Amino acid sequence: MTVLLVEDDLSIAIVLTAALEAEGFTVTRCDTLAERDRMLAERRFSVLVTDVILPDGDGISTLEAVRASHPDMPIIILSAQNTLDTAVRASDTGA
């Protein structure tokens, strides 16, 4: 299975990549929403794992477009923001 990891914090990305690869996943990582969109257009991924706050925008607010073009791809949201609002917004996108 292939994972697209969208995480701009290198230390977090390294830990997540190592953990996912240890479980047998192939991980492709990018830092921005623009890179995410380019990679999703170029190839198919089994799952999207994305941070909320990225250098070029809010990872949740753009997920409706991702969901429209990849309706069956599971989406996992990561966030250091411990708020109910973040959880509700993520859930509303189908993540």
C-alpha atoms as a PDB file:
ATOM      1  CA  MET A   1       0.000   0.000   0.000  1.00  0.00           C
ATOM      2  CA  THR A   2       1.165   3.493  -0.782  1.00  0.00           C
ATOM      3  CA  VAL A   3       0.850   6.491   1.510  1.00  0.00           C
ATOM      4  CA  LEU A   4       1.110  10.141   0.548  1.00  0.00           C
ATOM      5  CA  LEU A   5       2.316  11.959   3.663  1.00  0.00           C
ATOM      6  CA  VAL A   6       1.870  15.730   3.663  1.00  0.00           C
ATOM      7  CA  GLU A   7       3.921  17.054   6.575  1.00  0.00           C
ATOM      8  CA  ASP A   8       6.187  20.112   6.625  1.00  0.00           C
ATOM      9  CA  ASP A   9       7.869  19.351   9.970  1.00  0.00           C
ATOM     10  CA  LEU A  10      10.856  17.194   9.000  1.00  0.00           C
ATOM     11  CA  SER A  11      11.251  15.517  12.399  1.00  0.00           C
ATOM     12  CA  ILE A  12       7.589  14.456  12.473  1.00  0.00           C
ATOM     13  CA  ALA A  13       7.784  13.313   8.850  1.00  0.00           C
ATOM     14  CA  ILE A  14      10.844  11.159   9.594  1.00  0.00           C
ATOM     15  CA  VAL A  15       9.153   9.457  12.563  1.00  0.00           C
ATOM     16  CA  LEU A  16       5.881   8.864  10.685  1.00  0.00           C
ATOM     17  CA  THR A  17       7.688   7.577   7.594  1.00  0.00           C
ATOM     18  CA  ALA A  18       9.755   5.147   9.659  1.00  0.00           C
ATOM     19  CA  ALA A  19       6.671   3.861  11.488  1.00  0.00           C
ATOM     20  CA  LEU A  20       4.652   3.429   8.292  1.00  0.00           C
ATOM     21  CA  GLU A  21       7.516   1.760   6.428  1.00  0.00           C
ATOM     22  CA  ALA A  22       8.063  -0.621   9.366  1.00  0.00           C
ATOM     23  CA  GLU A  23       4.458  -1.738   8.833  1.00  0.00           C
ATOM     24  CA  GLY A  24       5.090  -2.385   5.134  1.00  0.00           C
ATOM     25  CA  PHE A  25       3.766   0.830   3.599  1.00  0.00           C
ATOM     26  CA  THR A  26       5.558   2.684   0.816  1.00  0.00           C
ATOM     27  CA  VAL A  27       5.654   6.370   1.773  1.00  0.00           C
ATOM     28  CA  THR A  28       5.959   9.406  -0.464  1.00  0.00           C
ATOM     29  CA  ARG A  29       6.316  12.680   1.429  1.00  0.00           C
ATOM     30  CA  CYS A  30       5.730  16.268   0.449  1.00  0.00           C
ATOM     31  CA  ASP A  31       5.698  19.587   2.324  1.00  0.00           C
ATOM     32  CA  THR A  32       2.911  21.641   0.749  1.00  0.00           C
ATOM     33  CA  LEU A  33      -0.619  21.508  -0.596  1.00  0.00           C
ATOM     34  CA  ALA A  34       0.652  22.383  -4.075  1.00  0.00           C
ATOM     35  CA  GLU A  35       3.015  19.395  -4.012  1.00  0.00           C
ATOM     36  CA  ARG A  36       0.196  17.211  -2.683  1.00  0.00           C
ATOM     37  CA  ASP A  37      -2.061  18.181  -5.555  1.00  0.00           C
ATOM     38  CA  ARG A  38       0.683  17.573  -8.119  1.00  0.00           C
ATOM     39  CA  MET A  39       1.484  14.135  -6.688  1.00  0.00           C
ATOM     40  CA  LEU A  40      -2.188  13.139  -6.514  1.00  0.00           C
ATOM     41  CA  ALA A  41      -2.578  14.115 -10.175  1.00  0.00           C
ATOM     42  CA  GLU A  42       0.487  12.094 -11.200  1.00  0.00           C
ATOM     43  CA  ARG A  43      -0.153   8.817  -9.373  1.00  0.00           C
ATOM     44  CA  ARG A  44      -2.543   6.834  -7.251  1.00  0.00           C
ATOM     45  CA  PHE A  45      -2.081   6.440  -3.488  1.00  0.00           C
ATOM     46  CA  SER A  46      -3.819   4.024  -1.127  1.00  0.00           C
ATOM     47  CA  VAL A  47      -4.184   6.630   1.619  1.00  0.00           C
ATOM     48  CA  LEU A  48      -3.524  10.316   2.256  1.00  0.00           C
ATOM     49  CA  VAL A  49      -2.078  11.357   5.626  1.00  0.00           C
ATOM     50  CA  THR A  50      -1.961  15.132   5.974  1.00  0.00           C
ATOM     51  CA  ASP A  51      -1.179  17.816   8.488  1.00  0.00           C
ATOM     52  CA  VAL A  52      -3.657  20.654   8.949  1.00  0.00           C
ATOM     53  CA  ILE A  53      -1.323  23.651   9.006  1.00  0.00           C
ATOM     54  CA  LEU A  54       0.979  23.748   5.994  1.00  0.00           C
ATOM     55  CA  PRO A  55       3.129  26.530   4.520  1.00  0.00           C
ATOM     56  CA  ASP A  56       0.693  27.243   1.699  1.00  0.00           C
ATOM     57  CA  GLY A  57      -2.629  26.805   3.464  1.00  0.00           C
ATOM     58  CA  ASP A  58      -5.042  24.824   5.580  1.00  0.00           C
ATOM     59  CA  GLY A  59      -4.997  21.100   4.831  1.00  0.00           C
ATOM     60  CA  ILE A  60      -8.624  20.625   5.840  1.00  0.00           C
ATOM     61  CA  SER A  61     -10.142  23.415   3.765  1.00  0.00           C
ATOM     62  CA  THR A  62      -8.788  21.864   0.561  1.00  0.00           C
ATOM     63  CA  LEU A  63      -9.922  18.301   1.223  1.00  0.00           C
ATOM     64  CA  GLU A  64     -13.285  18.634  -0.513  1.00  0.00           C
ATOM     65  CA  ALA A  65     -11.463  18.909  -3.842  1.00  0.00           C
ATOM     66  CA  VAL A  66      -9.302  15.897  -2.961  1.00  0.00           C
ATOM     67  CA  ARG A  67     -12.391  13.936  -1.960  1.00  0.00           C
ATOM     68  CA  ALA A  68     -14.111  14.860  -5.258  1.00  0.00           C
ATOM     69  CA  SER A  69     -11.236  13.528  -7.374  1.00  0.00           C
ATOM     70  CA  HIS A  70     -10.361  10.564  -5.106  1.00  0.00           C
ATOM     71  CA  PRO A  71     -13.676   9.547  -3.501  1.00  0.00           C
ATOM     72  CA  ASP A  72     -12.507   6.141  -2.248  1.00  0.00           C
ATOM     73  CA  MET A  73      -9.104   7.151  -0.869  1.00  0.00           C
ATOM     74  CA  PRO A  74      -8.992   7.162   2.948  1.00  0.00           C
ATOM     75  CA  ILE A  75      -7.786  10.456   4.419  1.00  0.00           C
ATOM     76  CA  ILE A  76      -6.144  10.745   7.828  1.00  0.00           C
ATOM     77  CA  ILE A  77      -5.709  14.198   9.371  1.00  0.00           C
ATOM     78  CA  LEU A  78      -2.836  14.974  11.749  1.00  0.00           C
ATOM     79  CA  SER A  79      -2.953  18.036  13.931  1.00  0.00           C
ATOM     80  CA  ALA A  80      -1.197  19.494  16.919  1.00  0.00           C
ATOM     81  CA  GLN A  81      -4.326  21.608  17.411  1.00  0.00           C
ATOM     82  CA  ASN A  82      -6.357  19.941  20.140  1.00  0.00           C
ATOM     83  CA  THR A  83      -9.667  21.581  19.343  1.00  0.00           C
ATOM     84  CA  LEU A  84     -13.142  20.253  18.746  1.00  0.00           C
ATOM     85  CA  ASP A  85     -13.445  22.610  15.764  1.00  0.00           C
ATOM     86  CA  THR A  86     -10.482  20.947  14.029  1.00  0.00           C
ATOM     87  CA  ALA A  87     -11.925  17.490  14.627  1.00  0.00           C
ATOM     88  CA  VAL A  88     -15.377  18.508  13.361  1.00  0.00           C
ATOM     89  CA  ARG A  89     -13.963  20.207  10.262  1.00  0.00           C
ATOM     90  CA  ALA A  90     -11.869  17.106   9.467  1.00  0.00           C
ATOM     91  CA  SER A  91     -14.836  14.799   9.997  1.00  0.00           C
ATOM     92  CA  ASP A  92     -17.064  16.945   7.797  1.00  0.00           C
ATOM     93  CA  THR A  93     -14.707  16.338   4.848  1.00  0.00           C
ATOM     94  CA  GLY A  94     -14.928  12.588   5.292  1.00  0.00           C
ATOM     95  CA  ALA A  95     -11.478  12.280   6.844  1.00  0.00           C
END
